[in-house]
Amino acid sequence: MKKADSKKTVHFLDPPYYEQDSMYKERGVTPKDVCDMARKMKGQVIITYNDHPEVRKSCRGMKQRKISSRYTLSSNSNNKKSKELLIIKG
C-alpha cells in the first residue's frame, strides 16, 4: 500500500473477518492495524469488514455504513445473509 500510495490512489481492502477467521491469530493482524494503516494513506481507502463492535471502534472517525450481503462463495454457506460494514477513509 505504501509503495503505490498517492492522492489519486484508491485502495480496496477486504481483510479476513474479525473473530471469524484464524488468519488474525496466525498473522497478528487486528482491525486496529488495518484501520491505522488506512489512516496513514494519502489516497482513498475502502474497507469491507464484518459488523463487529471491535471493528467499529477501531475504525472510528472514518465513514461507516452498514450493508447487507450474502455469502455465496463457499459451498457450505447456503447463501447466508450477513451484515457487513463498508468503511471509507478519504
Protein backbone atom coordinates (compact mmCIF):
# COMPACT_ATOMS: atom_id res chain seq x y z
CA MET A 1 0.00 0.00 0.00
CA LYS A 2 2.75 2.44 0.94
CA LYS A 3 4.60 1.90 -2.33
CA ALA A 4 1.55 2.62 -4.53
CA ASP A 5 0.03 5.35 -2.36
CA SER A 6 -0.72 8.81 -3.78
CA LYS A 7 -3.55 11.33 -3.57
CA LYS A 8 -5.02 9.70 -6.71
CA THR A 9 -4.85 6.13 -5.39
CA VAL A 10 -7.90 4.16 -4.28
CA HIS A 11 -7.04 1.24 -2.00
CA PHE A 12 -9.61 -1.55 -1.55
CA LEU A 13 -9.14 -3.79 1.50
CA ASP A 14 -11.07 -6.97 2.22
CA PRO A 15 -9.31 -8.32 5.33
CA PRO A 16 -10.29 -11.60 6.98
CA TYR A 17 -13.36 -11.02 9.11
CA TYR A 18 -12.66 -10.35 12.76
CA GLU A 19 -13.16 -13.36 15.05
CA GLN A 20 -14.38 -15.42 12.10
CA ASP A 21 -11.06 -16.36 10.52
CA SER A 22 -7.91 -17.87 12.02
CA MET A 23 -5.67 -15.64 9.86
CA TYR A 24 -5.78 -12.92 12.53
CA LYS A 25 -4.35 -15.22 15.16
CA GLU A 26 -1.75 -16.67 12.78
CA ARG A 27 -0.55 -13.34 11.38
CA GLY A 28 -1.29 -10.98 14.26
CA VAL A 29 -3.44 -8.59 12.19
CA THR A 30 -6.19 -6.74 14.05
CA PRO A 31 -8.89 -4.31 12.91
CA LYS A 32 -6.88 -1.59 14.65
CA ASP A 33 -3.84 -2.46 12.50
CA VAL A 34 -5.92 -2.30 9.33
CA CYS A 35 -7.63 0.99 10.23
CA ASP A 36 -4.42 2.62 11.47
CA MET A 37 -2.76 1.80 8.14
CA ALA A 38 -5.75 3.19 6.25
CA ARG A 39 -5.50 6.48 8.16
CA LYS A 40 -1.85 6.88 7.09
CA MET A 41 -2.60 6.62 3.36
CA LYS A 42 -2.70 9.74 1.18
CA GLY A 43 -5.27 8.17 -1.12
CA GLN A 44 -8.80 6.97 -0.50
CA VAL A 45 -9.25 3.66 1.32
CA ILE A 46 -12.34 1.44 1.11
CA ILE A 47 -12.60 -1.46 3.55
CA THR A 48 -15.21 -4.21 3.79
CA TYR A 49 -15.48 -5.85 7.21
CA ASN A 50 -17.90 -7.86 9.27
CA ASP A 51 -20.07 -5.73 11.54
CA HIS A 52 -18.37 -6.26 14.90
CA PRO A 53 -18.04 -3.80 17.82
CA GLU A 54 -14.22 -4.03 17.74
CA VAL A 55 -14.18 -3.15 14.03
CA ARG A 56 -16.50 -0.16 14.55
CA LYS A 57 -14.33 1.05 17.46
CA SER A 58 -11.04 0.57 15.56
CA CYS A 59 -12.30 2.46 12.50
CA ARG A 60 -13.92 5.30 14.46
CA GLY A 61 -13.59 8.60 12.62
CA MET A 62 -13.98 7.04 9.18
CA LYS A 63 -17.29 6.82 7.35
CA GLN A 64 -19.04 3.57 8.26
CA ARG A 65 -22.12 2.26 6.52
CA LYS A 66 -23.91 -0.98 7.38
CA ILE A 67 -24.76 -3.07 4.34
CA SER A 68 -26.49 -6.40 3.79
CA SER A 69 -24.61 -9.12 1.98
CA ARG A 70 -24.86 -12.81 1.14
CA TYR A 71 -22.09 -15.36 1.47
CA THR A 72 -22.21 -17.30 -1.77
CA LEU A 73 -18.60 -18.34 -2.46
CA SER A 74 -18.39 -21.24 -0.04
CA SER A 75 -20.26 -24.46 -0.72
CA ASN A 76 -21.14 -24.54 2.99
CA SER A 77 -22.56 -21.02 3.08
CA ASN A 78 -26.11 -21.88 1.98
CA ASN A 79 -26.43 -18.35 0.62
CA LYS A 80 -26.33 -16.96 4.18
CA LYS A 81 -27.34 -13.33 4.78
CA SER A 82 -24.99 -11.18 6.82
CA LYS A 83 -24.47 -7.60 7.97
CA GLU A 84 -21.22 -6.00 6.95
CA LEU A 85 -19.55 -2.62 7.20
CA LEU A 86 -18.36 -0.52 4.30
CA ILE A 87 -15.69 1.78 5.74
CA ILE A 88 -14.33 4.73 3.76
CA LYS A 89 -11.38 6.98 4.52
CA GLY A 90 -10.95 9.99 2.28
